Amino acid sequence: EVEVVESGGGSVQAGGSLLLSCVVTGMRGSTCKMGWYRQTPGQEREFVSSISHQDTKFYADFVKGRFTISQDNAKATLYLQMNSLQTEDTAVYYCGAGTISGDGTCTYNFWGQGTQVTVSS
């Protein structure tokens, strides 16, 4: 059974930093991509950042220059270094693991339970 577990969330003041981690276990083979999404109450889950198996990285405009995504394939672990945090970054952050679906596309088929990030002014 595939399990995705996030950690590293917490409460910080604006301007502070947090490092989120995501460990994927139980997966046969490797992921095709992994990513971070976030969600606040009453809002849709939104894309934050992703990284392909080949290390191609994408960022949402609102985190460019502040957040850095990385991965350790040997440890099946994804990271999100979040610097210069703002109150607007407060959300539950979810880690997604992408695998190749039946139609050949790379799809987030596995999600963690999320980790809360709270940024206070």
C-alpha atoms as a PDB file:
ATOM      1  CA  GLU A   1       0.000   0.000   0.000  1.00  0.00           C
ATOM      2  CA  VAL A   2       1.335   3.392  -0.975  1.00  0.00           C
ATOM      3  CA  GLU A   3       1.590   5.902   1.835  1.00  0.00           C
ATOM      4  CA  VAL A   4       2.410   9.600   1.553  1.00  0.00           C
ATOM      5  CA  VAL A   5       3.295  11.402   4.770  1.00  0.00           C
ATOM      6  CA  GLU A   6       4.043  15.100   5.120  1.00  0.00           C
ATOM      7  CA  SER A   7       5.839  16.694   8.048  1.00  0.00           C
ATOM      8  CA  GLY A   8       7.476  19.947   9.019  1.00  0.00           C
ATOM      9  CA  GLY A   9       4.488  22.239   9.271  1.00  0.00           C
ATOM     10  CA  GLY A  10       4.063  24.578  12.185  1.00  0.00           C
ATOM     11  CA  SER A  11       3.596  28.158  13.272  1.00  0.00           C
ATOM     12  CA  VAL A  12       6.033  30.906  12.394  1.00  0.00           C
ATOM     13  CA  GLN A  13       6.061  34.656  12.244  1.00  0.00           C
ATOM     14  CA  ALA A  14       6.034  36.508   8.955  1.00  0.00           C
ATOM     15  CA  GLY A  15       9.480  36.504   7.419  1.00  0.00           C
ATOM     16  CA  GLY A  16      10.337  33.163   8.940  1.00  0.00           C
ATOM     17  CA  SER A  17      11.135  29.828   7.324  1.00  0.00           C
ATOM     18  CA  LEU A  18       9.917  26.253   7.384  1.00  0.00           C
ATOM     19  CA  LEU A  19      11.078  23.067   5.712  1.00  0.00           C
ATOM     20  CA  LEU A  20       8.355  20.651   4.690  1.00  0.00           C
ATOM     21  CA  SER A  21       9.158  17.017   3.991  1.00  0.00           C
ATOM     22  CA  CYS A  22       7.170  14.289   2.292  1.00  0.00           C
ATOM     23  CA  VAL A  23       8.037  10.614   2.368  1.00  0.00           C
ATOM     24  CA  VAL A  24       6.495   8.097  -0.005  1.00  0.00           C
ATOM     25  CA  THR A  25       6.542   4.435   0.943  1.00  0.00           C
ATOM     26  CA  GLY A  26       5.136   1.256  -0.539  1.00  0.00           C
ATOM     27  CA  MET A  27       5.443   2.345  -4.148  1.00  0.00           C
ATOM     28  CA  ARG A  28       6.627  -0.040  -6.824  1.00  0.00           C
ATOM     29  CA  GLY A  29       9.034   1.806  -9.042  1.00  0.00           C
ATOM     30  CA  SER A  30       9.562   5.548  -8.973  1.00  0.00           C
ATOM     31  CA  THR A  31       7.254   8.489  -9.218  1.00  0.00           C
ATOM     32  CA  CYS A  32       7.070  10.486 -12.463  1.00  0.00           C
ATOM     33  CA  LYS A  33       6.591  13.719 -10.545  1.00  0.00           C
ATOM     34  CA  MET A  34       5.930  14.989  -7.061  1.00  0.00           C
ATOM     35  CA  GLY A  35       4.358  18.205  -5.988  1.00  0.00           C
ATOM     36  CA  TRP A  36       3.084  20.476  -3.262  1.00  0.00           C
ATOM     37  CA  TYR A  37      -0.387  21.949  -3.195  1.00  0.00           C
ATOM     38  CA  ARG A  38      -2.073  24.017  -0.517  1.00  0.00           C
ATOM     39  CA  GLN A  39      -5.590  24.690   0.606  1.00  0.00           C
ATOM     40  CA  THR A  40      -7.341  27.130   2.898  1.00  0.00           C
ATOM     41  CA  PRO A  41     -10.886  26.694   4.238  1.00  0.00           C
ATOM     42  CA  GLY A  42     -13.503  27.274   1.587  1.00  0.00           C
ATOM     43  CA  GLN A  43     -10.941  27.492  -1.205  1.00  0.00           C
ATOM     44  CA  GLU A  44      -9.847  25.137  -3.937  1.00  0.00           C
ATOM     45  CA  ARG A  45      -6.593  23.310  -3.523  1.00  0.00           C
ATOM     46  CA  GLU A  46      -3.953  25.291  -5.405  1.00  0.00           C
ATOM     47  CA  PHE A  47      -0.668  24.379  -6.986  1.00  0.00           C
ATOM     48  CA  VAL A  48       2.500  25.485  -5.196  1.00  0.00           C
ATOM     49  CA  SER A  49       5.396  23.629  -6.795  1.00  0.00           C
ATOM     50  CA  SER A  50       6.325  20.407  -8.541  1.00  0.00           C
ATOM     51  CA  ILE A  51       9.380  18.472  -9.587  1.00  0.00           C
ATOM     52  CA  SER A  52       9.671  15.758 -12.182  1.00  0.00           C
ATOM     53  CA  HIS A  53      11.687  12.603 -11.854  1.00  0.00           C
ATOM     54  CA  GLN A  54      14.258  14.330 -14.094  1.00  0.00           C
ATOM     55  CA  ASP A  55      14.392  17.291 -11.674  1.00  0.00           C
ATOM     56  CA  THR A  56      12.422  19.751 -13.809  1.00  0.00           C
ATOM     57  CA  LYS A  57      10.890  22.231 -11.367  1.00  0.00           C
ATOM     58  CA  PHE A  58       7.812  24.417 -11.558  1.00  0.00           C
ATOM     59  CA  TYR A  59       6.607  27.080  -9.150  1.00  0.00           C
ATOM     60  CA  ALA A  60       3.468  29.090  -8.734  1.00  0.00           C
ATOM     61  CA  ASP A  61       4.157  32.771  -9.316  1.00  0.00           C
ATOM     62  CA  PHE A  62       3.311  33.665  -5.721  1.00  0.00           C
ATOM     63  CA  VAL A  63       6.179  31.533  -4.348  1.00  0.00           C
ATOM     64  CA  LYS A  64       8.896  32.170  -6.901  1.00  0.00           C
ATOM     65  CA  GLY A  65      12.081  33.326  -5.227  1.00  0.00           C
ATOM     66  CA  ARG A  66      10.822  32.310  -1.788  1.00  0.00           C
ATOM     67  CA  PHE A  67      10.201  28.550  -1.947  1.00  0.00           C
ATOM     68  CA  THR A  68      12.547  25.857  -3.225  1.00  0.00           C
ATOM     69  CA  ILE A  69      11.494  22.327  -4.092  1.00  0.00           C
ATOM     70  CA  SER A  70      13.925  19.429  -4.061  1.00  0.00           C
ATOM     71  CA  GLN A  71      13.898  15.672  -3.836  1.00  0.00           C
ATOM     72  CA  ASP A  72      16.031  12.788  -2.714  1.00  0.00           C
ATOM     73  CA  ASN A  73      15.089   9.943  -5.007  1.00  0.00           C
ATOM     74  CA  ALA A  74      17.118   7.435  -3.012  1.00  0.00           C
ATOM     75  CA  LYS A  75      15.040   8.268   0.053  1.00  0.00           C
ATOM     76  CA  ALA A  76      11.779   8.785  -1.868  1.00  0.00           C
ATOM     77  CA  THR A  77      11.538  12.106  -0.074  1.00  0.00           C
ATOM     78  CA  LEU A  78      10.314  15.467  -1.298  1.00  0.00           C
ATOM     79  CA  TYR A  79      11.175  18.769   0.337  1.00  0.00           C
ATOM     80  CA  LEU A  80       9.846  22.302   0.220  1.00  0.00           C
ATOM     81  CA  GLN A  81      12.045  24.971   1.724  1.00  0.00           C
ATOM     82  CA  MET A  82       9.841  27.948   2.463  1.00  0.00           C
ATOM     83  CA  ASN A  83      11.531  31.265   3.191  1.00  0.00           C
ATOM     84  CA  SER A  84      10.181  34.774   3.661  1.00  0.00           C
ATOM     85  CA  LEU A  85       6.845  33.362   4.690  1.00  0.00           C
ATOM     86  CA  GLN A  86       3.845  35.664   4.530  1.00  0.00           C
ATOM     87  CA  THR A  87       0.522  35.495   6.316  1.00  0.00           C
ATOM     88  CA  GLU A  88      -1.065  34.619   2.964  1.00  0.00           C
ATOM     89  CA  ASP A  89       0.961  31.393   2.964  1.00  0.00           C
ATOM     90  CA  THR A  90      -1.122  30.064   5.838  1.00  0.00           C
ATOM     91  CA  ALA A  91      -2.738  26.854   4.607  1.00  0.00           C
ATOM     92  CA  VAL A  92      -2.690  23.100   4.791  1.00  0.00           C
ATOM     93  CA  TYR A  93       0.070  21.873   2.513  1.00  0.00           C
ATOM     94  CA  TYR A  94      -0.413  18.599   0.694  1.00  0.00           C
ATOM     95  CA  CYS A  95       2.137  16.398  -1.001  1.00  0.00           C
ATOM     96  CA  GLY A  96       1.185  14.531  -4.146  1.00  0.00           C
ATOM     97  CA  ALA A  97       2.979  11.614  -5.750  1.00  0.00           C
ATOM     98  CA  GLY A  98       2.553  11.176  -9.467  1.00  0.00           C
ATOM     99  CA  THR A  99       2.472   7.874 -11.283  1.00  0.00           C
ATOM    100  CA  ILE A 100       1.757   6.900 -14.860  1.00  0.00           C
ATOM    101  CA  SER A 101      -1.972   6.368 -15.309  1.00  0.00           C
ATOM    102  CA  GLY A 102      -3.616   3.965 -17.741  1.00  0.00           C
ATOM    103  CA  ASP A 103      -3.710   6.625 -20.464  1.00  0.00           C
ATOM    104  CA  GLY A 104       0.029   7.188 -20.185  1.00  0.00           C
ATOM    105  CA  THR A 105      -0.159  10.543 -18.431  1.00  0.00           C
ATOM    106  CA  CYS A 106       1.650  11.409 -15.219  1.00  0.00           C
ATOM    107  CA  THR A 107      -1.075  11.954 -12.644  1.00  0.00           C
ATOM    108  CA  TYR A 108      -1.119  12.674  -8.922  1.00  0.00           C
ATOM    109  CA  ASN A 109      -2.633   9.377  -7.826  1.00  0.00           C
ATOM    110  CA  PHE A 110      -1.504   9.489  -4.200  1.00  0.00           C
ATOM    111  CA  TRP A 111      -1.872  12.263  -1.621  1.00  0.00           C
ATOM    112  CA  GLY A 112      -0.847  12.782   1.944  1.00  0.00           C
ATOM    113  CA  GLN A 113      -3.079  13.992   4.759  1.00  0.00           C
ATOM    114  CA  GLY A 114      -1.525  17.441   4.771  1.00  0.00           C
ATOM    115  CA  THR A 115       0.481  19.500   7.200  1.00  0.00           C
ATOM    116  CA  GLN A 116      -0.671  22.824   8.631  1.00  0.00           C
ATOM    117  CA  VAL A 117       1.416  25.932   8.084  1.00  0.00           C
ATOM    118  CA  THR A 118       0.410  29.013  10.015  1.00  0.00           C
ATOM    119  CA  VAL A 119       2.145  32.345   9.491  1.00  0.00           C
ATOM    120  CA  SER A 120       1.353  35.149  11.912  1.00  0.00           C
ATOM    121  CA  SER A 121       2.036  38.852  11.547  1.00  0.00           C
END
